[in-house]
Amino acid sequence: MSRKLGLGICVAVLAGTLAFAAQAAEKVSVAALAFVSSAPIFIAKDKGYFDAEGLDVDIKFFQAAQPVSVAVAAGDADFGITGLTGGFYNLAAKGALKIIASQSREEPGFDFVAYVASEKAYAAGFTSVAQFPGKTIAITQIGSTFHYNLGKLAEKRGFKLEEITLKPLQSIPNVIAAMKGNQVDGALLPTNIALGLEAQKAGHIIGYVWQETPWQLGALFTSAKHAEHDRPMVQKFVAAYQKATADYAEAFQQRDKDGKRVFGAKADALIPILVKYVKPTPTAEQVKASVSFIDPQGRLKVQDIYDQVAWYQKMGMLDKSANAKDMLDLGFVKGHLDLPKP
């Protein structure tokens, strides 16, 4: 055999092997928001954790949480990761979606979602979360996580949610524009965005949700069809996701002996990944200031899901027949927390 012929055969074999590997990767998609809270997806994508599980993952970005749920229910995405909303629960109650792992939680010391007063309203004295009654507050959508946060705040602070004028603007960019234009008195926003408004003198942080009403804000979910019929694929996705949540926790959830959060080389290594995906593009310091709590193993606080379902039912946004248990598939992650008593 000539050297040229042998080299040609080797090249052909290598090309065939690479082509087979590319074909073997299962194409899946995940719907997400371009928020720091979607970090495990970004980490798993960029560090090759999905690739190692034989998954070719495409991230599809949306401007609000509820469209993420719709995309998964409609089959336009295989997975979704975002905050849990009234829209999500309505689709899950109809058998379309299953929660399979956790995303962000509002936990003490983690500045995830901020209460923000507009520049004009702050100057007029809107400087405390106790002053929400009588204010016009921008949210993305009715039934959104921001809506739920305000509902729980009203319960804690002893005022009626109806005392707040809610202004649903459909997307975070629209909320930001309304704040900059002083068209509303305030908003609830991810901390990195709130810090950006402060830097632009377009808003003032007056508190954080974790200080008032800690809760299981977000989750990883898939279609009921995938959960039932494509369990091996879902297990691969969750395995890659858990590697990323472990990396995230190790980098962003460490504290010193006095309980102060600390960031070292592992955080510095992951921040460029987050900056690549998060919009508006944050600085490294904004990332550190706004990374939320995410369970290192992707475990849910399950009772809180039941509590959310009950609240949406009370508000008339979810049918009374909806059952939280039917919306969960707890078999992909071990050791979920705060399980409801039988």
C-alpha atoms as a PDB file:
ATOM      1  CA  MET A   1       0.000   0.000   0.000  1.00  0.00           C
ATOM      2  CA  SER A   2       1.422   3.414  -0.943  1.00  0.00           C
ATOM      3  CA  ARG A   3       1.965   6.025   1.720  1.00  0.00           C
ATOM      4  CA  LYS A   4      -0.439   8.394  -0.066  1.00  0.00           C
ATOM      5  CA  LEU A   5      -3.154   5.736  -0.237  1.00  0.00           C
ATOM      6  CA  GLY A   6      -2.676   4.838   3.435  1.00  0.00           C
ATOM      7  CA  LEU A   7      -2.934   8.498   4.439  1.00  0.00           C
ATOM      8  CA  GLY A   8      -6.082   8.844   2.359  1.00  0.00           C
ATOM      9  CA  ILE A   9      -7.686   5.879   4.097  1.00  0.00           C
ATOM     10  CA  CYS A  10      -6.795   7.296   7.524  1.00  0.00           C
ATOM     11  CA  VAL A  11      -8.328  10.667   6.642  1.00  0.00           C
ATOM     12  CA  ALA A  12     -11.470   8.963   5.360  1.00  0.00           C
ATOM     13  CA  VAL A  13     -11.794   6.844   8.497  1.00  0.00           C
ATOM     14  CA  LEU A  14     -11.290   9.901  10.732  1.00  0.00           C
ATOM     15  CA  ALA A  15     -13.852  11.905   8.772  1.00  0.00           C
ATOM     16  CA  GLY A  16     -16.299   9.050   9.010  1.00  0.00           C
ATOM     17  CA  THR A  17     -15.750   8.745  12.750  1.00  0.00           C
ATOM     18  CA  LEU A  18     -16.320  12.471  13.293  1.00  0.00           C
ATOM     19  CA  ALA A  19     -19.418  12.398  11.114  1.00  0.00           C
ATOM     20  CA  PHE A  20     -20.805   9.454  13.082  1.00  0.00           C
ATOM     21  CA  ALA A  21     -20.110  11.214  16.382  1.00  0.00           C
ATOM     22  CA  ALA A  22     -21.906  14.325  15.145  1.00  0.00           C
ATOM     23  CA  GLN A  23     -24.873  12.224  14.030  1.00  0.00           C
ATOM     24  CA  ALA A  24     -24.902  10.308  17.310  1.00  0.00           C
ATOM     25  CA  ALA A  25     -25.377  13.456  19.422  1.00  0.00           C
ATOM     26  CA  GLU A  26     -29.072  13.824  20.230  1.00  0.00           C
ATOM     27  CA  LYS A  27     -30.331  17.302  19.432  1.00  0.00           C
ATOM     28  CA  VAL A  28     -32.407  18.888  22.191  1.00  0.00           C
ATOM     29  CA  SER A  29     -33.321  22.454  23.057  1.00  0.00           C
ATOM     30  CA  VAL A  30     -33.895  24.376  26.268  1.00  0.00           C
ATOM     31  CA  ALA A  31     -35.947  27.557  26.611  1.00  0.00           C
ATOM     32  CA  ALA A  32     -34.496  30.097  29.046  1.00  0.00           C
ATOM     33  CA  LEU A  33     -34.174  33.727  30.001  1.00  0.00           C
ATOM     34  CA  ALA A  34     -30.839  35.504  29.579  1.00  0.00           C
ATOM     35  CA  PHE A  35     -30.564  35.884  33.364  1.00  0.00           C
ATOM     36  CA  VAL A  36     -27.850  34.932  35.843  1.00  0.00           C
ATOM     37  CA  SER A  37     -30.372  32.446  37.278  1.00  0.00           C
ATOM     38  CA  SER A  38     -30.065  30.369  34.095  1.00  0.00           C
ATOM     39  CA  ALA A  39     -26.364  29.902  34.882  1.00  0.00           C
ATOM     40  CA  PRO A  40     -26.347  26.073  35.165  1.00  0.00           C
ATOM     41  CA  ILE A  41     -27.515  25.791  31.559  1.00  0.00           C
ATOM     42  CA  PHE A  42     -24.790  28.161  30.375  1.00  0.00           C
ATOM     43  CA  ILE A  43     -22.145  26.329  32.400  1.00  0.00           C
ATOM     44  CA  ALA A  44     -23.223  22.878  31.201  1.00  0.00           C
ATOM     45  CA  LYS A  45     -23.219  24.117  27.605  1.00  0.00           C
ATOM     46  CA  ASP A  46     -19.825  25.814  27.674  1.00  0.00           C
ATOM     47  CA  LYS A  47     -18.020  23.230  29.808  1.00  0.00           C
ATOM     48  CA  GLY A  48     -19.132  20.361  27.593  1.00  0.00           C
ATOM     49  CA  TYR A  49     -21.301  18.581  30.160  1.00  0.00           C
ATOM     50  CA  PHE A  50     -24.155  18.186  27.681  1.00  0.00           C
ATOM     51  CA  ASP A  51     -21.728  16.988  25.016  1.00  0.00           C
ATOM     52  CA  ALA A  52     -20.366  14.356  27.406  1.00  0.00           C
ATOM     53  CA  GLU A  53     -23.904  12.999  27.802  1.00  0.00           C
ATOM     54  CA  GLY A  54     -24.334  12.783  24.029  1.00  0.00           C
ATOM     55  CA  LEU A  55     -26.628  15.804  23.835  1.00  0.00           C
ATOM     56  CA  ASP A  56     -26.349  18.657  21.341  1.00  0.00           C
ATOM     57  CA  VAL A  57     -28.168  21.404  23.258  1.00  0.00           C
ATOM     58  CA  ASP A  58     -29.529  24.580  21.685  1.00  0.00           C
ATOM     59  CA  ILE A  59     -30.526  27.419  24.034  1.00  0.00           C
ATOM     60  CA  LYS A  60     -33.598  29.398  22.958  1.00  0.00           C
ATOM     61  CA  PHE A  61     -33.982  32.759  24.678  1.00  0.00           C
ATOM     62  CA  PHE A  62     -37.220  34.481  25.664  1.00  0.00           C
ATOM     63  CA  GLN A  63     -38.072  37.837  27.256  1.00  0.00           C
ATOM     64  CA  ALA A  64     -40.383  36.626  30.054  1.00  0.00           C
ATOM     65  CA  ALA A  65     -41.008  33.453  32.044  1.00  0.00           C
ATOM     66  CA  GLN A  66     -44.462  32.486  30.809  1.00  0.00           C
ATOM     67  CA  PRO A  67     -43.469  32.139  27.112  1.00  0.00           C
ATOM     68  CA  VAL A  68     -40.789  29.663  28.233  1.00  0.00           C
ATOM     69  CA  SER A  69     -43.537  27.386  29.582  1.00  0.00           C
ATOM     70  CA  VAL A  70     -45.587  27.769  26.415  1.00  0.00           C
ATOM     71  CA  ALA A  71     -42.588  26.847  24.259  1.00  0.00           C
ATOM     72  CA  VAL A  72     -42.056  23.569  26.133  1.00  0.00           C
ATOM     73  CA  ALA A  73     -45.758  22.696  26.195  1.00  0.00           C
ATOM     74  CA  ALA A  74     -46.008  23.364  22.451  1.00  0.00           C
ATOM     75  CA  GLY A  75     -42.973  21.212  21.648  1.00  0.00           C
ATOM     76  CA  ASP A  76     -40.892  24.178  20.471  1.00  0.00           C
ATOM     77  CA  ALA A  77     -38.357  23.362  23.206  1.00  0.00           C
ATOM     78  CA  ASP A  78     -37.607  20.114  25.034  1.00  0.00           C
ATOM     79  CA  PHE A  79     -36.796  21.716  28.392  1.00  0.00           C
ATOM     80  CA  GLY A  80     -37.473  24.982  30.156  1.00  0.00           C
ATOM     81  CA  ILE A  81     -35.684  26.717  32.999  1.00  0.00           C
ATOM     82  CA  THR A  82     -37.228  29.790  34.571  1.00  0.00           C
ATOM     83  CA  GLY A  83     -39.401  31.090  37.366  1.00  0.00           C
ATOM     84  CA  LEU A  84     -42.673  29.319  38.073  1.00  0.00           C
ATOM     85  CA  THR A  85     -45.709  31.310  36.961  1.00  0.00           C
ATOM     86  CA  GLY A  86     -49.468  31.095  36.790  1.00  0.00           C
ATOM     87  CA  GLY A  87     -49.122  30.275  33.104  1.00  0.00           C
ATOM     88  CA  PHE A  88     -46.800  27.416  33.912  1.00  0.00           C
ATOM     89  CA  TYR A  89     -49.166  25.971  36.504  1.00  0.00           C
ATOM     90  CA  ASN A  90     -52.139  26.146  34.154  1.00  0.00           C
ATOM     91  CA  LEU A  91     -50.244  24.197  31.490  1.00  0.00           C
ATOM     92  CA  ALA A  92     -48.941  21.714  34.068  1.00  0.00           C
ATOM     93  CA  ALA A  93     -52.464  21.236  35.459  1.00  0.00           C
ATOM     94  CA  LYS A  94     -53.584  20.206  31.971  1.00  0.00           C
ATOM     95  CA  GLY A  95     -50.904  17.508  31.892  1.00  0.00           C
ATOM     96  CA  ALA A  96     -48.478  19.299  29.571  1.00  0.00           C
ATOM     97  CA  LEU A  97     -45.476  19.939  31.848  1.00  0.00           C
ATOM     98  CA  LYS A  98     -43.503  18.275  34.635  1.00  0.00           C
ATOM     99  CA  ILE A  99     -41.120  19.916  37.100  1.00  0.00           C
ATOM    100  CA  ILE A 100     -37.990  17.741  37.341  1.00  0.00           C
ATOM    101  CA  ALA A 101     -35.363  19.795  39.240  1.00  0.00           C
ATOM    102  CA  SER A 102     -34.838  23.120  40.951  1.00  0.00           C
ATOM    103  CA  GLN A 103     -33.486  26.367  39.654  1.00  0.00           C
ATOM    104  CA  SER A 104     -33.197  29.491  41.824  1.00  0.00           C
ATOM    105  CA  ARG A 105     -34.482  29.880  45.366  1.00  0.00           C
ATOM    106  CA  GLU A 106     -34.835  33.092  47.317  1.00  0.00           C
ATOM    107  CA  GLU A 107     -32.576  32.282  50.260  1.00  0.00           C
ATOM    108  CA  PRO A 108     -31.209  34.571  53.014  1.00  0.00           C
ATOM    109  CA  GLY A 109     -28.120  36.472  51.937  1.00  0.00           C
ATOM    110  CA  PHE A 110     -28.580  35.962  48.188  1.00  0.00           C
ATOM    111  CA  ASP A 111     -29.634  39.160  46.430  1.00  0.00           C
ATOM    112  CA  PHE A 112     -31.588  37.652  43.552  1.00  0.00           C
ATOM    113  CA  VAL A 113     -34.721  39.766  42.907  1.00  0.00           C
ATOM    114  CA  ALA A 114     -34.740  43.361  44.090  1.00  0.00           C
ATOM    115  CA  TYR A 115     -37.546  45.775  44.893  1.00  0.00           C
ATOM    116  CA  VAL A 116     -36.666  48.903  42.913  1.00  0.00           C
ATOM    117  CA  ALA A 117     -38.123  52.420  43.131  1.00  0.00           C
ATOM    118  CA  SER A 118     -37.943  54.709  40.121  1.00  0.00           C
ATOM    119  CA  GLU A 119     -35.784  57.825  40.403  1.00  0.00           C
ATOM    120  CA  LYS A 120     -38.817  60.115  40.614  1.00  0.00           C
ATOM    121  CA  ALA A 121     -40.723  57.964  43.114  1.00  0.00           C
ATOM    122  CA  TYR A 122     -37.650  57.535  45.315  1.00  0.00           C
ATOM    123  CA  ALA A 123     -37.140  61.305  45.427  1.00  0.00           C
ATOM    124  CA  ALA A 124     -40.796  61.632  46.450  1.00  0.00           C
ATOM    125  CA  GLY A 125     -40.266  59.278  49.401  1.00  0.00           C
ATOM    126  CA  PHE A 126     -40.747  55.719  48.076  1.00  0.00           C
ATOM    127  CA  THR A 127     -37.850  54.282  50.051  1.00  0.00           C
ATOM    128  CA  SER A 128     -39.324  51.231  51.817  1.00  0.00           C
ATOM    129  CA  VAL A 129     -41.141  48.025  50.877  1.00  0.00           C
ATOM    130  CA  ALA A 130     -43.801  49.047  53.406  1.00  0.00           C
ATOM    131  CA  GLN A 131     -44.799  51.831  50.991  1.00  0.00           C
ATOM    132  CA  PHE A 132     -45.978  49.687  48.067  1.00  0.00           C
ATOM    133  CA  PRO A 133     -49.715  50.422  48.629  1.00  0.00           C
ATOM    134  CA  GLY A 134     -50.832  53.227  46.324  1.00  0.00           C
ATOM    135  CA  LYS A 135     -47.914  52.767  43.928  1.00  0.00           C
ATOM    136  CA  THR A 136     -47.869  51.795  40.252  1.00  0.00           C
ATOM    137  CA  ILE A 137     -45.516  48.857  39.846  1.00  0.00           C
ATOM    138  CA  ALA A 138     -44.237  47.394  36.584  1.00  0.00           C
ATOM    139  CA  ILE A 139     -44.210  43.610  36.194  1.00  0.00           C
ATOM    140  CA  THR A 140     -43.713  41.444  33.143  1.00  0.00           C
ATOM    141  CA  GLN A 141     -47.093  39.681  33.137  1.00  0.00           C
ATOM    142  CA  ILE A 142     -50.082  38.934  35.329  1.00  0.00           C
ATOM    143  CA  GLY A 143     -49.325  35.621  37.022  1.00  0.00           C
ATOM    144  CA  SER A 144     -45.557  36.120  36.746  1.00  0.00           C
ATOM    145  CA  THR A 145     -43.080  35.457  39.541  1.00  0.00           C
ATOM    146  CA  PHE A 146     -43.003  39.217  40.160  1.00  0.00           C
ATOM    147  CA  HIS A 147     -46.793  39.189  40.604  1.00  0.00           C
ATOM    148  CA  TYR A 148     -46.489  36.291  43.051  1.00  0.00           C
ATOM    149  CA  ASN A 149     -43.721  38.080  44.964  1.00  0.00           C
ATOM    150  CA  LEU A 150     -45.942  41.125  45.434  1.00  0.00           C
ATOM    151  CA  GLY A 151     -48.836  38.907  46.527  1.00  0.00           C
ATOM    152  CA  LYS A 152     -46.721  37.248  49.194  1.00  0.00           C
ATOM    153  CA  LEU A 153     -45.321  40.622  50.269  1.00  0.00           C
ATOM    154  CA  ALA A 154     -48.864  41.942  50.685  1.00  0.00           C
ATOM    155  CA  GLU A 155     -49.724  38.945  52.880  1.00  0.00           C
ATOM    156  CA  LYS A 156     -46.649  39.483  55.050  1.00  0.00           C
ATOM    157  CA  ARG A 157     -46.983  43.237  55.348  1.00  0.00           C
ATOM    158  CA  GLY A 158     -50.730  43.168  55.910  1.00  0.00           C
ATOM    159  CA  PHE A 159     -52.043  45.134  52.953  1.00  0.00           C
ATOM    160  CA  LYS A 160     -54.220  44.111  49.999  1.00  0.00           C
ATOM    161  CA  LEU A 161     -52.588  43.357  46.668  1.00  0.00           C
ATOM    162  CA  GLU A 162     -55.364  45.418  45.059  1.00  0.00           C
ATOM    163  CA  GLU A 163     -53.848  48.489  46.708  1.00  0.00           C
ATOM    164  CA  ILE A 164     -51.005  48.253  44.188  1.00  0.00           C
ATOM    165  CA  THR A 165     -51.629  49.223  40.563  1.00  0.00           C
ATOM    166  CA  LEU A 166     -49.921  46.503  38.535  1.00  0.00           C
ATOM    167  CA  LYS A 167     -48.643  47.472  35.110  1.00  0.00           C
ATOM    168  CA  PRO A 168     -47.856  44.325  33.073  1.00  0.00           C
ATOM    169  CA  LEU A 169     -45.401  45.291  30.328  1.00  0.00           C
ATOM    170  CA  GLN A 170     -44.757  41.805  28.871  1.00  0.00           C
ATOM    171  CA  SER A 171     -40.944  41.841  28.968  1.00  0.00           C
ATOM    172  CA  ILE A 172     -37.972  42.885  31.070  1.00  0.00           C
ATOM    173  CA  PRO A 173     -36.707  45.381  28.438  1.00  0.00           C
ATOM    174  CA  ASN A 174     -40.106  47.108  28.566  1.00  0.00           C
ATOM    175  CA  VAL A 175     -39.943  47.253  32.372  1.00  0.00           C
ATOM    176  CA  ILE A 176     -36.459  48.763  32.188  1.00  0.00           C
ATOM    177  CA  ALA A 177     -37.692  51.383  29.697  1.00  0.00           C
ATOM    178  CA  ALA A 178     -40.626  52.282  31.950  1.00  0.00           C
ATOM    179  CA  MET A 179     -38.273  52.719  34.904  1.00  0.00           C
ATOM    180  CA  LYS A 180     -35.887  54.901  32.940  1.00  0.00           C
ATOM    181  CA  GLY A 181     -38.795  57.043  31.768  1.00  0.00           C
ATOM    182  CA  ASN A 182     -40.321  57.334  35.267  1.00  0.00           C
ATOM    183  CA  GLN A 183     -43.553  55.925  33.846  1.00  0.00           C
ATOM    184  CA  VAL A 184     -43.999  53.732  36.943  1.00  0.00           C
ATOM    185  CA  ASP A 185     -43.177  54.117  40.612  1.00  0.00           C
ATOM    186  CA  GLY A 186     -41.194  50.908  40.777  1.00  0.00           C
ATOM    187  CA  ALA A 187     -40.602  47.343  39.685  1.00  0.00           C
ATOM    188  CA  LEU A 188     -39.202  44.002  40.762  1.00  0.00           C
ATOM    189  CA  LEU A 189     -36.073  43.108  38.807  1.00  0.00           C
ATOM    190  CA  PRO A 190     -33.118  40.705  38.882  1.00  0.00           C
ATOM    191  CA  THR A 191     -30.396  42.312  40.949  1.00  0.00           C
ATOM    192  CA  ASN A 192     -27.857  42.663  38.145  1.00  0.00           C
ATOM    193  CA  ILE A 193     -30.417  44.715  36.190  1.00  0.00           C
ATOM    194  CA  ALA A 194     -31.393  46.709  39.291  1.00  0.00           C
ATOM    195  CA  LEU A 195     -27.726  47.524  39.918  1.00  0.00           C
ATOM    196  CA  GLY A 196     -27.432  48.678  36.322  1.00  0.00           C
ATOM    197  CA  LEU A 197     -30.375  51.056  36.819  1.00  0.00           C
ATOM    198  CA  GLU A 198     -28.770  52.407  39.968  1.00  0.00           C
ATOM    199  CA  ALA A 199     -25.516  53.016  38.101  1.00  0.00           C
ATOM    200  CA  GLN A 200     -27.478  54.936  35.447  1.00  0.00           C
ATOM    201  CA  LYS A 201     -29.357  56.908  38.130  1.00  0.00           C
ATOM    202  CA  ALA A 202     -32.620  55.409  36.868  1.00  0.00           C
ATOM    203  CA  GLY A 203     -33.686  53.560  40.004  1.00  0.00           C
ATOM    204  CA  HIS A 204     -32.949  52.716  43.626  1.00  0.00           C
ATOM    205  CA  ILE A 205     -32.939  49.301  45.296  1.00  0.00           C
ATOM    206  CA  ILE A 206     -35.145  49.498  48.404  1.00  0.00           C
ATOM    207  CA  GLY A 207     -34.954  45.852  49.428  1.00  0.00           C
ATOM    208  CA  TYR A 208     -34.680  42.241  48.320  1.00  0.00           C
ATOM    209  CA  VAL A 209     -37.296  39.507  48.091  1.00  0.00           C
ATOM    210  CA  TRP A 210     -35.283  37.107  50.272  1.00  0.00           C
ATOM    211  CA  GLN A 211     -35.556  39.591  53.121  1.00  0.00           C
ATOM    212  CA  GLU A 212     -39.347  39.370  52.995  1.00  0.00           C
ATOM    213  CA  THR A 213     -40.561  36.117  51.469  1.00  0.00           C
ATOM    214  CA  PRO A 214     -37.984  33.367  50.711  1.00  0.00           C
ATOM    215  CA  TRP A 215     -39.362  30.787  48.264  1.00  0.00           C
ATOM    216  CA  GLN A 216     -38.654  28.225  45.516  1.00  0.00           C
ATOM    217  CA  LEU A 217     -38.737  30.652  42.630  1.00  0.00           C
ATOM    218  CA  GLY A 218     -37.596  28.601  39.680  1.00  0.00           C
ATOM    219  CA  ALA A 219     -37.370  25.107  38.275  1.00  0.00           C
ATOM    220  CA  LEU A 220     -36.129  22.964  35.439  1.00  0.00           C
ATOM    221  CA  PHE A 221     -39.009  21.298  33.642  1.00  0.00           C
ATOM    222  CA  THR A 222     -39.843  19.274  30.574  1.00  0.00           C
ATOM    223  CA  SER A 223     -42.937  18.103  28.743  1.00  0.00           C
ATOM    224  CA  ALA A 224     -44.998  15.351  30.311  1.00  0.00           C
ATOM    225  CA  LYS A 225     -44.404  13.415  27.088  1.00  0.00           C
ATOM    226  CA  HIS A 226     -40.626  13.508  27.500  1.00  0.00           C
ATOM    227  CA  ALA A 227     -40.859  12.660  31.198  1.00  0.00           C
ATOM    228  CA  GLU A 228     -42.909   9.571  30.391  1.00  0.00           C
ATOM    229  CA  HIS A 229     -41.514   8.344  27.086  1.00  0.00           C
ATOM    230  CA  ASP A 230     -37.962   9.758  26.831  1.00  0.00           C
ATOM    231  CA  ARG A 231     -36.649   9.191  30.342  1.00  0.00           C
ATOM    232  CA  PRO A 232     -33.091   8.200  29.294  1.00  0.00           C
ATOM    233  CA  MET A 233     -32.716  11.479  27.400  1.00  0.00           C
ATOM    234  CA  VAL A 234     -34.129  13.471  30.321  1.00  0.00           C
ATOM    235  CA  GLN A 235     -31.800  11.635  32.727  1.00  0.00           C
ATOM    236  CA  LYS A 236     -28.803  12.604  30.585  1.00  0.00           C
ATOM    237  CA  PHE A 237     -29.889  16.234  30.541  1.00  0.00           C
ATOM    238  CA  VAL A 238     -30.388  16.283  34.317  1.00  0.00           C
ATOM    239  CA  ALA A 239     -27.018  14.595  34.903  1.00  0.00           C
ATOM    240  CA  ALA A 240     -25.257  17.355  32.946  1.00  0.00           C
ATOM    241  CA  TYR A 241     -27.358  19.987  34.700  1.00  0.00           C
ATOM    242  CA  GLN A 242     -26.384  18.635  38.132  1.00  0.00           C
ATOM    243  CA  LYS A 243     -22.673  18.811  37.258  1.00  0.00           C
ATOM    244  CA  ALA A 244     -23.229  22.476  36.452  1.00  0.00           C
ATOM    245  CA  THR A 245     -25.244  23.216  39.614  1.00  0.00           C
ATOM    246  CA  ALA A 246     -22.419  21.675  41.654  1.00  0.00           C
ATOM    247  CA  ASP A 247     -19.871  23.899  39.868  1.00  0.00           C
ATOM    248  CA  TYR A 248     -22.100  26.925  40.383  1.00  0.00           C
ATOM    249  CA  ALA A 249     -22.524  26.276  44.109  1.00  0.00           C
ATOM    250  CA  GLU A 250     -18.816  25.716  44.603  1.00  0.00           C
ATOM    251  CA  ALA A 251     -18.016  28.981  42.837  1.00  0.00           C
ATOM    252  CA  PHE A 252     -20.768  31.305  44.030  1.00  0.00           C
ATOM    253  CA  GLN A 253     -22.210  30.011  47.293  1.00  0.00           C
ATOM    254  CA  GLN A 254     -19.188  29.906  49.596  1.00  0.00           C
ATOM    255  CA  ARG A 255     -18.978  31.856  52.855  1.00  0.00           C
ATOM    256  CA  ASP A 256     -16.141  32.711  55.219  1.00  0.00           C
ATOM    257  CA  LYS A 257     -16.093  31.970  58.966  1.00  0.00           C
ATOM    258  CA  ASP A 258     -18.173  35.093  59.603  1.00  0.00           C
ATOM    259  CA  GLY A 259     -20.862  34.062  57.104  1.00  0.00           C
ATOM    260  CA  LYS A 260     -19.820  36.607  54.475  1.00  0.00           C
ATOM    261  CA  ARG A 261     -20.012  35.437  50.873  1.00  0.00           C
ATOM    262  CA  VAL A 262     -16.613  35.017  49.246  1.00  0.00           C
ATOM    263  CA  PHE A 263     -15.558  34.578  45.639  1.00  0.00           C
ATOM    264  CA  GLY A 264     -12.332  33.026  44.497  1.00  0.00           C
ATOM    265  CA  ALA A 265     -10.676  31.520  41.463  1.00  0.00           C
ATOM    266  CA  LYS A 266     -13.588  29.186  40.717  1.00  0.00           C
ATOM    267  CA  ALA A 267     -15.981  32.119  40.506  1.00  0.00           C
ATOM    268  CA  ASP A 268     -13.534  34.043  38.334  1.00  0.00           C
ATOM    269  CA  ALA A 269     -13.388  31.057  35.971  1.00  0.00           C
ATOM    270  CA  LEU A 270     -17.174  30.863  35.567  1.00  0.00           C
ATOM    271  CA  ILE A 271     -18.015  34.558  35.359  1.00  0.00           C
ATOM    272  CA  PRO A 272     -16.910  34.896  31.687  1.00  0.00           C
ATOM    273  CA  ILE A 273     -19.374  32.132  30.786  1.00  0.00           C
ATOM    274  CA  LEU A 274     -22.233  33.990  32.450  1.00  0.00           C
ATOM    275  CA  VAL A 275     -21.203  37.323  30.932  1.00  0.00           C
ATOM    276  CA  LYS A 276     -21.298  35.662  27.506  1.00  0.00           C
ATOM    277  CA  TYR A 277     -24.993  34.797  27.847  1.00  0.00           C
ATOM    278  CA  VAL A 278     -26.612  37.217  30.318  1.00  0.00           C
ATOM    279  CA  LYS A 279     -28.368  40.326  28.954  1.00  0.00           C
ATOM    280  CA  PRO A 280     -27.952  43.208  29.524  1.00  0.00           C
ATOM    281  CA  THR A 281     -24.296  42.218  29.764  1.00  0.00           C
ATOM    282  CA  PRO A 282     -23.273  42.487  33.438  1.00  0.00           C
ATOM    283  CA  THR A 283     -19.902  43.369  34.897  1.00  0.00           C
ATOM    284  CA  ALA A 284     -18.075  40.756  36.949  1.00  0.00           C
ATOM    285  CA  GLU A 285     -19.045  42.644  40.115  1.00  0.00           C
ATOM    286  CA  GLN A 286     -22.714  42.695  39.093  1.00  0.00           C
ATOM    287  CA  VAL A 287     -22.589  38.930  38.578  1.00  0.00           C
ATOM    288  CA  LYS A 288     -21.131  38.415  42.050  1.00  0.00           C
ATOM    289  CA  ALA A 289     -23.750  40.710  43.571  1.00  0.00           C
ATOM    290  CA  SER A 290     -26.679  38.972  41.866  1.00  0.00           C
ATOM    291  CA  VAL A 291     -25.986  35.239  41.782  1.00  0.00           C
ATOM    292  CA  SER A 292     -28.983  33.535  43.361  1.00  0.00           C
ATOM    293  CA  PHE A 293     -29.044  30.395  45.462  1.00  0.00           C
ATOM    294  CA  ILE A 294     -29.303  27.182  43.438  1.00  0.00           C
ATOM    295  CA  ASP A 295     -29.274  23.839  45.197  1.00  0.00           C
ATOM    296  CA  PRO A 296     -25.985  22.047  44.394  1.00  0.00           C
ATOM    297  CA  GLN A 297     -27.887  18.868  43.488  1.00  0.00           C
ATOM    298  CA  GLY A 298     -30.875  20.517  41.834  1.00  0.00           C
ATOM    299  CA  ARG A 299     -33.201  19.534  44.692  1.00  0.00           C
ATOM    300  CA  LEU A 300     -36.581  21.216  45.057  1.00  0.00           C
ATOM    301  CA  LYS A 301     -38.270  22.534  48.184  1.00  0.00           C
ATOM    302  CA  VAL A 302     -41.384  20.593  47.310  1.00  0.00           C
ATOM    303  CA  GLN A 303     -43.858  21.971  49.856  1.00  0.00           C
ATOM    304  CA  ASP A 304     -43.295  25.436  48.415  1.00  0.00           C
ATOM    305  CA  ILE A 305     -44.581  24.213  45.040  1.00  0.00           C
ATOM    306  CA  TYR A 306     -47.787  23.133  46.783  1.00  0.00           C
ATOM    307  CA  ASP A 307     -48.010  26.570  48.440  1.00  0.00           C
ATOM    308  CA  GLN A 308     -47.632  28.345  45.094  1.00  0.00           C
ATOM    309  CA  VAL A 309     -50.381  26.266  43.527  1.00  0.00           C
ATOM    310  CA  ALA A 310     -52.661  27.135  46.443  1.00  0.00           C
ATOM    311  CA  TRP A 311     -51.954  30.869  46.027  1.00  0.00           C
ATOM    312  CA  TYR A 312     -52.747  30.886  42.307  1.00  0.00           C
ATOM    313  CA  GLN A 313     -55.949  28.976  43.052  1.00  0.00           C
ATOM    314  CA  LYS A 314     -56.899  31.521  45.717  1.00  0.00           C
ATOM    315  CA  MET A 315     -56.289  34.326  43.223  1.00  0.00           C
ATOM    316  CA  GLY A 316     -58.576  32.654  40.666  1.00  0.00           C
ATOM    317  CA  MET A 317     -55.754  32.122  38.183  1.00  0.00           C
ATOM    318  CA  LEU A 318     -55.716  28.329  38.518  1.00  0.00           C
ATOM    319  CA  ASP A 319     -58.580  25.850  38.627  1.00  0.00           C
ATOM    320  CA  LYS A 320     -59.397  24.419  42.045  1.00  0.00           C
ATOM    321  CA  SER A 321     -58.993  20.899  40.652  1.00  0.00           C
ATOM    322  CA  ALA A 322     -55.261  21.437  39.972  1.00  0.00           C
ATOM    323  CA  ASN A 323     -53.038  19.126  42.010  1.00  0.00           C
ATOM    324  CA  ALA A 324     -49.402  20.035  42.651  1.00  0.00           C
ATOM    325  CA  LYS A 325     -48.408  16.384  42.968  1.00  0.00           C
ATOM    326  CA  ASP A 326     -49.392  15.748  39.343  1.00  0.00           C
ATOM    327  CA  MET A 327     -47.100  18.551  38.162  1.00  0.00           C
ATOM    328  CA  LEU A 328     -43.966  16.998  39.654  1.00  0.00           C
ATOM    329  CA  ASP A 329     -41.721  14.146  38.569  1.00  0.00           C
ATOM    330  CA  LEU A 330     -39.305  13.705  41.460  1.00  0.00           C
ATOM    331  CA  GLY A 331     -37.597  10.640  40.018  1.00  0.00           C
ATOM    332  CA  PHE A 332     -34.763  12.380  38.177  1.00  0.00           C
ATOM    333  CA  VAL A 333     -33.130  13.958  41.249  1.00  0.00           C
ATOM    334  CA  LYS A 334     -32.565  12.238  44.580  1.00  0.00           C
ATOM    335  CA  GLY A 335     -33.234  13.746  47.999  1.00  0.00           C
ATOM    336  CA  HIS A 336     -35.725  16.533  47.286  1.00  0.00           C
ATOM    337  CA  LEU A 337     -36.356  18.753  50.313  1.00  0.00           C
ATOM    338  CA  ASP A 338     -39.393  19.607  52.441  1.00  0.00           C
ATOM    339  CA  LEU A 339     -41.635  16.878  51.101  1.00  0.00           C
ATOM    340  CA  PRO A 340     -45.328  17.339  52.005  1.00  0.00           C
ATOM    341  CA  LYS A 341     -46.603  15.087  54.739  1.00  0.00           C
ATOM    342  CA  PRO A 342     -48.886  12.307  53.470  1.00  0.00           C
END
